Amino acid sequence: ISTSKTGNGNLILNYHTDQPTDGYSLAVAL
């Protein structure tokens, strides 16, 4: 994952995985 901040301080999160993701979710906890 990588992140950058928007103008209002929120995050833009980019993700990449090498596993199949059918039936999966990405959970993001702060």
All heavy atoms as atom14 arrays in JSON, in Angstrom:
{
  "sequence": "ISTSKTGNGNLILNYHTDQPTDGYSLAVAL",
  "atom14_mask": [
    [1, 1, 1, 1, 1, 1, 1, 1, 0, 0, 0, 0, 0, 0],
    [1, 1, 1, 1, 1, 1, 0, 0, 0, 0, 0, 0, 0, 0],
    [1, 1, 1, 1, 1, 1, 1, 0, 0, 0, 0, 0, 0, 0],
    [1, 1, 1, 1, 1, 1, 0, 0, 0, 0, 0, 0, 0, 0],
    [1, 1, 1, 1, 1, 1, 1, 1, 1, 0, 0, 0, 0, 0],
    [1, 1, 1, 1, 1, 1, 1, 0, 0, 0, 0, 0, 0, 0],
    [1, 1, 1, 1, 0, 0, 0, 0, 0, 0, 0, 0, 0, 0],
    [1, 1, 1, 1, 1, 1, 1, 1, 0, 0, 0, 0, 0, 0],
    [1, 1, 1, 1, 0, 0, 0, 0, 0, 0, 0, 0, 0, 0],
    [1, 1, 1, 1, 1, 1, 1, 1, 0, 0, 0, 0, 0, 0],
    [1, 1, 1, 1, 1, 1, 1, 1, 0, 0, 0, 0, 0, 0],
    [1, 1, 1, 1, 1, 1, 1, 1, 0, 0, 0, 0, 0, 0],
    [1, 1, 1, 1, 1, 1, 1, 1, 0, 0, 0, 0, 0, 0],
    [1, 1, 1, 1, 1, 1, 1, 1, 0, 0, 0, 0, 0, 0],
    [1, 1, 1, 1, 1, 1, 1, 1, 1, 1, 1, 1, 0, 0],
    [1, 1, 1, 1, 1, 1, 1, 1, 1, 1, 0, 0, 0, 0],
    [1, 1, 1, 1, 1, 1, 1, 0, 0, 0, 0, 0, 0, 0],
    [1, 1, 1, 1, 1, 1, 1, 1, 0, 0, 0, 0, 0, 0],
    [1, 1, 1, 1, 1, 1, 1, 1, 1, 0, 0, 0, 0, 0],
    [1, 1, 1, 1, 1, 1, 1, 0, 0, 0, 0, 0, 0, 0],
    [1, 1, 1, 1, 1, 1, 1, 0, 0, 0, 0, 0, 0, 0],
    [1, 1, 1, 1, 1, 1, 1, 1, 0, 0, 0, 0, 0, 0],
    [1, 1, 1, 1, 0, 0, 0, 0, 0, 0, 0, 0, 0, 0],
    [1, 1, 1, 1, 1, 1, 1, 1, 1, 1, 1, 1, 0, 0],
    [1, 1, 1, 1, 1, 1, 0, 0, 0, 0, 0, 0, 0, 0],
    [1, 1, 1, 1, 1, 1, 1, 1, 0, 0, 0, 0, 0, 0],
    [1, 1, 1, 1, 1, 0, 0, 0, 0, 0, 0, 0, 0, 0],
    [1, 1, 1, 1, 1, 1, 1, 0, 0, 0, 0, 0, 0, 0],
    [1, 1, 1, 1, 1, 0, 0, 0, 0, 0, 0, 0, 0, 0],
    [1, 1, 1, 1, 1, 1, 1, 1, 0, 0, 0, 0, 0, 0]
  ],
  "atom14_positions": [
    [[0.83, -1.2, 0.0], [0.0, 0.0, 0.0], [0.87, 1.25, 0.0], [2.02, 1.23, 0.43], [-0.95, 0.05, 1.23], [-0.15, 0.04, 2.53], [-1.96, -1.09, 1.19], [-1.02, 0.21, 3.78], [0.0, 0.0, 0.0], [0.0, 0.0, 0.0], [0.0, 0.0, 0.0], [0.0, 0.0, 0.0], [0.0, 0.0, 0.0], [0.0, 0.0, 0.0]],
    [[0.3, 2.32, -0.5], [0.93, 3.63, -0.4], [-0.17, 4.65, -0.23], [-1.32, 4.43, -0.63], [1.75, 3.94, -1.66], [0.92, 4.01, -2.8], [0.0, 0.0, 0.0], [0.0, 0.0, 0.0], [0.0, 0.0, 0.0], [0.0, 0.0, 0.0], [0.0, 0.0, 0.0], [0.0, 0.0, 0.0], [0.0, 0.0, 0.0], [0.0, 0.0, 0.0]],
    [[0.15, 5.76, 0.4], [-0.86, 6.79, 0.64], [-0.32, 8.17, 0.3], [0.88, 8.42, 0.33], [-1.31, 6.81, 2.12], [-0.19, 7.17, 2.94], [-1.88, 5.48, 2.56], [0.0, 0.0, 0.0], [0.0, 0.0, 0.0], [0.0, 0.0, 0.0], [0.0, 0.0, 0.0], [0.0, 0.0, 0.0], [0.0, 0.0, 0.0], [0.0, 0.0, 0.0]],
    [[-1.24, 9.04, 0.01], [-0.95, 10.47, -0.11], [-2.15, 11.2, 0.44], [-3.26, 10.65, 0.52], [-0.67, 10.86, -1.56], [-1.79, 10.55, -2.37], [0.0, 0.0, 0.0], [0.0, 0.0, 0.0], [0.0, 0.0, 0.0], [0.0, 0.0, 0.0], [0.0, 0.0, 0.0], [0.0, 0.0, 0.0], [0.0, 0.0, 0.0], [0.0, 0.0, 0.0]],
    [[-1.96, 12.44, 0.84], [-3.05, 13.21, 1.46], [-3.72, 14.12, 0.44], [-3.08, 14.64, -0.46], [-2.52, 14.03, 2.63], [-2.17, 13.18, 3.85], [-1.83, 14.05, 5.05], [-1.56, 13.19, 6.27], [-1.25, 14.02, 7.46], [0.0, 0.0, 0.0], [0.0, 0.0, 0.0], [0.0, 0.0, 0.0], [0.0, 0.0, 0.0], [0.0, 0.0, 0.0]],
    [[-5.01, 14.28, 0.61], [-5.77, 15.2, -0.23], [-5.69, 16.59, 0.38], [-5.14, 16.79, 1.46], [-7.24, 14.77, -0.33], [-7.83, 14.84, 0.98], [-7.34, 13.34, -0.85], [0.0, 0.0, 0.0], [0.0, 0.0, 0.0], [0.0, 0.0, 0.0], [0.0, 0.0, 0.0], [0.0, 0.0, 0.0], [0.0, 0.0, 0.0], [0.0, 0.0, 0.0]],
    [[-6.28, 17.55, -0.31], [-6.24, 18.92, 0.19], [-6.97, 19.12, 1.51], [-6.61, 19.98, 2.3], [0.0, 0.0, 0.0], [0.0, 0.0, 0.0], [0.0, 0.0, 0.0], [0.0, 0.0, 0.0], [0.0, 0.0, 0.0], [0.0, 0.0, 0.0], [0.0, 0.0, 0.0], [0.0, 0.0, 0.0], [0.0, 0.0, 0.0], [0.0, 0.0, 0.0]],
    [[-7.98, 18.27, 1.77], [-8.73, 18.41, 3.02], [-8.18, 17.52, 4.13], [-8.81, 17.35, 5.18], [-10.22, 18.09, 2.78], [-10.43, 16.7, 2.22], [-9.5, 15.9, 2.12], [-11.66, 16.4, 1.85], [0.0, 0.0, 0.0], [0.0, 0.0, 0.0], [0.0, 0.0, 0.0], [0.0, 0.0, 0.0], [0.0, 0.0, 0.0], [0.0, 0.0, 0.0]],
    [[-7.01, 16.9, 3.9], [-6.37, 16.11, 4.95], [-6.73, 14.65, 4.96], [-6.17, 13.88, 5.75], [0.0, 0.0, 0.0], [0.0, 0.0, 0.0], [0.0, 0.0, 0.0], [0.0, 0.0, 0.0], [0.0, 0.0, 0.0], [0.0, 0.0, 0.0], [0.0, 0.0, 0.0], [0.0, 0.0, 0.0], [0.0, 0.0, 0.0], [0.0, 0.0, 0.0]],
    [[-7.65, 14.21, 4.1], [-7.98, 12.8, 4.02], [-6.89, 12.04, 3.26], [-6.01, 12.65, 2.65], [-9.33, 12.61, 3.34], [-10.48, 13.13, 4.19], [-10.35, 13.24, 5.41], [-11.58, 13.47, 3.56], [0.0, 0.0, 0.0], [0.0, 0.0, 0.0], [0.0, 0.0, 0.0], [0.0, 0.0, 0.0], [0.0, 0.0, 0.0], [0.0, 0.0, 0.0]],
    [[-6.99, 10.71, 3.28], [-5.97, 9.88, 2.64], [-6.47, 9.26, 1.34], [-7.63, 8.86, 1.24], [-5.53, 8.75, 3.58], [-4.73, 9.11, 4.81], [-4.47, 7.85, 5.64], [-3.41, 9.77, 4.45], [0.0, 0.0, 0.0], [0.0, 0.0, 0.0], [0.0, 0.0, 0.0], [0.0, 0.0, 0.0], [0.0, 0.0, 0.0], [0.0, 0.0, 0.0]],
    [[-5.59, 9.19, 0.37], [-5.81, 8.38, -0.82], [-4.9, 7.17, -0.67], [-3.67, 7.31, -0.62], [-5.47, 9.15, -2.1], [-6.4, 10.36, -2.26], [-5.6, 8.22, -3.31], [-6.06, 11.23, -3.44], [0.0, 0.0, 0.0], [0.0, 0.0, 0.0], [0.0, 0.0, 0.0], [0.0, 0.0, 0.0], [0.0, 0.0, 0.0], [0.0, 0.0, 0.0]],
    [[-5.48, 5.99, -0.59], [-4.71, 4.76, -0.37], [-4.7, 3.95, -1.66], [-5.75, 3.61, -2.2], [-5.3, 3.96, 0.78], [-4.52, 2.7, 1.19], [-4.61, 2.48, 2.69], [-5.05, 1.45, 0.46], [0.0, 0.0, 0.0], [0.0, 0.0, 0.0], [0.0, 0.0, 0.0], [0.0, 0.0, 0.0], [0.0, 0.0, 0.0], [0.0, 0.0, 0.0]],
    [[-3.5, 3.64, -2.13], [-3.32, 2.76, -3.28], [-2.91, 1.38, -2.78], [-2.03, 1.28, -1.92], [-2.24, 3.31, -4.21], [-2.55, 4.72, -4.68], [-3.55, 4.95, -5.36], [-1.72, 5.67, -4.31], [0.0, 0.0, 0.0], [0.0, 0.0, 0.0], [0.0, 0.0, 0.0], [0.0, 0.0, 0.0], [0.0, 0.0, 0.0], [0.0, 0.0, 0.0]],
    [[-3.53, 0.34, -3.31], [-3.2, -1.01, -2.86], [-2.87, -1.91, -4.05], [-3.31, -1.69, -5.17], [-4.37, -1.62, -2.07], [-5.58, -1.94, -2.91], [-5.71, -3.19, -3.53], [-6.6, -1.01, -3.11], [-6.8, -3.49, -4.31], [-7.7, -1.29, -3.9], [-7.8, -2.54, -4.5], [-8.88, -2.83, -5.29], [0.0, 0.0, 0.0], [0.0, 0.0, 0.0]],
    [[-2.06, -2.92, -3.78], [-1.75, -3.96, -4.77], [-1.5, -5.27, -4.03], [-0.84, -5.29, -2.99], [-0.51, -3.61, -5.59], [-0.09, -4.72, -6.5], [-0.75, -5.02, -7.67], [0.91, -5.64, -6.39], [-0.18, -6.06, -8.26], [0.84, -6.46, -7.5], [0.0, 0.0, 0.0], [0.0, 0.0, 0.0], [0.0, 0.0, 0.0], [0.0, 0.0, 0.0]],
    [[-2.04, -6.35, -4.56], [-1.81, -7.67, -3.98], [-1.57, -8.68, -5.09], [-2.04, -8.5, -6.22], [-3.0, -8.12, -3.11], [-2.72, -9.42, -2.57], [-4.29, -8.2, -3.92], [0.0, 0.0, 0.0], [0.0, 0.0, 0.0], [0.0, 0.0, 0.0], [0.0, 0.0, 0.0], [0.0, 0.0, 0.0], [0.0, 0.0, 0.0], [0.0, 0.0, 0.0]],
    [[-0.84, -9.73, -4.77], [-0.56, -10.77, -5.74], [-1.46, -11.99, -5.56], [-1.28, -13.01, -6.22], [0.91, -11.19, -5.67], [1.3, -11.75, -4.31], [0.46, -11.72, -3.39], [2.45, -12.2, -4.15], [0.0, 0.0, 0.0], [0.0, 0.0, 0.0], [0.0, 0.0, 0.0], [0.0, 0.0, 0.0], [0.0, 0.0, 0.0], [0.0, 0.0, 0.0]],
    [[-2.45, -11.91, -4.68], [-3.35, -13.04, -4.46], [-4.71, -12.76, -5.12], [-5.09, -11.6, -5.31], [-3.54, -13.29, -2.96], [-4.44, -12.27, -2.26], [-4.98, -12.77, -0.93], [-4.23, -12.95, 0.0], [-6.28, -12.99, -0.87], [0.0, 0.0, 0.0], [0.0, 0.0, 0.0], [0.0, 0.0, 0.0], [0.0, 0.0, 0.0], [0.0, 0.0, 0.0]],
    [[-5.45, -13.8, -5.47], [-6.81, -13.59, -6.01], [-7.69, -12.91, -4.97], [-7.57, -13.2, -3.77], [-7.29, -15.02, -6.3], [-6.05, -15.84, -6.42], [-5.06, -15.23, -5.47], [0.0, 0.0, 0.0], [0.0, 0.0, 0.0], [0.0, 0.0, 0.0], [0.0, 0.0, 0.0], [0.0, 0.0, 0.0], [0.0, 0.0, 0.0], [0.0, 0.0, 0.0]],
    [[-8.55, -12.02, -5.4], [-9.37, -11.26, -4.44], [-10.87, -11.46, -4.63], [-11.66, -10.71, -4.05], [-9.04, -9.76, -4.53], [-9.39, -9.28, -5.84], [-7.58, -9.49, -4.25], [0.0, 0.0, 0.0], [0.0, 0.0, 0.0], [0.0, 0.0, 0.0], [0.0, 0.0, 0.0], [0.0, 0.0, 0.0], [0.0, 0.0, 0.0], [0.0, 0.0, 0.0]],
    [[-11.27, -12.44, -5.42], [-12.69, -12.75, -5.51], [-13.16, -13.21, -4.13], [-12.59, -14.12, -3.54], [-12.95, -13.86, -6.53], [-12.84, -13.35, -7.96], [-13.29, -12.23, -8.21], [-12.29, -14.07, -8.8], [0.0, 0.0, 0.0], [0.0, 0.0, 0.0], [0.0, 0.0, 0.0], [0.0, 0.0, 0.0], [0.0, 0.0, 0.0], [0.0, 0.0, 0.0]],
    [[-14.22, -12.58, -3.6], [-14.71, -12.94, -2.27], [-13.93, -12.34, -1.13], [-14.07, -12.78, 0.01], [0.0, 0.0, 0.0], [0.0, 0.0, 0.0], [0.0, 0.0, 0.0], [0.0, 0.0, 0.0], [0.0, 0.0, 0.0], [0.0, 0.0, 0.0], [0.0, 0.0, 0.0], [0.0, 0.0, 0.0], [0.0, 0.0, 0.0], [0.0, 0.0, 0.0]],
    [[-13.1, -11.33, -1.42], [-12.3, -10.69, -0.39], [-12.62, -9.21, -0.27], [-13.1, -8.58, -1.21], [-10.8, -10.84, -0.69], [-10.22, -12.16, -0.25], [-10.37, -13.29, -1.04], [-9.54, -12.28, 0.95], [-9.85, -14.51, -0.65], [-9.02, -13.51, 1.35], [-9.18, -14.61, 0.55], [-8.67, -15.82, 0.95], [0.0, 0.0, 0.0], [0.0, 0.0, 0.0]],
    [[-12.32, -8.68, 0.91], [-12.42, -7.24, 1.15], [-11.09, -6.72, 1.65], [-10.3, -7.46, 2.24], [-13.51, -6.92, 2.19], [-14.8, -7.18, 1.68], [0.0, 0.0, 0.0], [0.0, 0.0, 0.0], [0.0, 0.0, 0.0], [0.0, 0.0, 0.0], [0.0, 0.0, 0.0], [0.0, 0.0, 0.0], [0.0, 0.0, 0.0], [0.0, 0.0, 0.0]],
    [[-10.85, -5.44, 1.39], [-9.71, -4.74, 1.97], [-10.22, -3.95, 3.16], [-11.09, -3.1, 3.03], [-9.08, -3.8, 0.94], [-7.96, -2.9, 1.46], [-6.72, -3.72, 1.79], [-7.62, -1.8, 0.45], [0.0, 0.0, 0.0], [0.0, 0.0, 0.0], [0.0, 0.0, 0.0], [0.0, 0.0, 0.0], [0.0, 0.0, 0.0], [0.0, 0.0, 0.0]],
    [[-9.69, -4.26, 4.34], [-10.06, -3.52, 5.56], [-8.95, -2.54, 5.89], [-7.76, -2.9, 5.84], [-10.28, -4.49, 6.72], [0.0, 0.0, 0.0], [0.0, 0.0, 0.0], [0.0, 0.0, 0.0], [0.0, 0.0, 0.0], [0.0, 0.0, 0.0], [0.0, 0.0, 0.0], [0.0, 0.0, 0.0], [0.0, 0.0, 0.0], [0.0, 0.0, 0.0]],
    [[-9.32, -1.32, 6.2], [-8.36, -0.27, 6.53], [-8.73, 0.32, 7.88], [-9.8, 0.92, 8.03], [-8.35, 0.84, 5.45], [-7.32, 1.9, 5.79], [-8.08, 0.26, 4.08], [0.0, 0.0, 0.0], [0.0, 0.0, 0.0], [0.0, 0.0, 0.0], [0.0, 0.0, 0.0], [0.0, 0.0, 0.0], [0.0, 0.0, 0.0], [0.0, 0.0, 0.0]],
    [[-7.87, 0.12, 8.88], [-8.13, 0.61, 10.23], [-7.17, 1.75, 10.55], [-5.97, 1.64, 10.32], [-7.97, -0.51, 11.25], [0.0, 0.0, 0.0], [0.0, 0.0, 0.0], [0.0, 0.0, 0.0], [0.0, 0.0, 0.0], [0.0, 0.0, 0.0], [0.0, 0.0, 0.0], [0.0, 0.0, 0.0], [0.0, 0.0, 0.0], [0.0, 0.0, 0.0]],
    [[-7.7, 2.84, 11.08], [-6.89, 3.94, 11.56], [-6.75, 3.81, 13.07], [-7.73, 3.52, 13.78], [-7.52, 5.29, 11.2], [-7.64, 5.57, 9.69], [-8.23, 6.95, 9.46], [-6.31, 5.42, 8.98], [0.0, 0.0, 0.0], [0.0, 0.0, 0.0], [0.0, 0.0, 0.0], [0.0, 0.0, 0.0], [0.0, 0.0, 0.0], [0.0, 0.0, 0.0]]
  ]
}
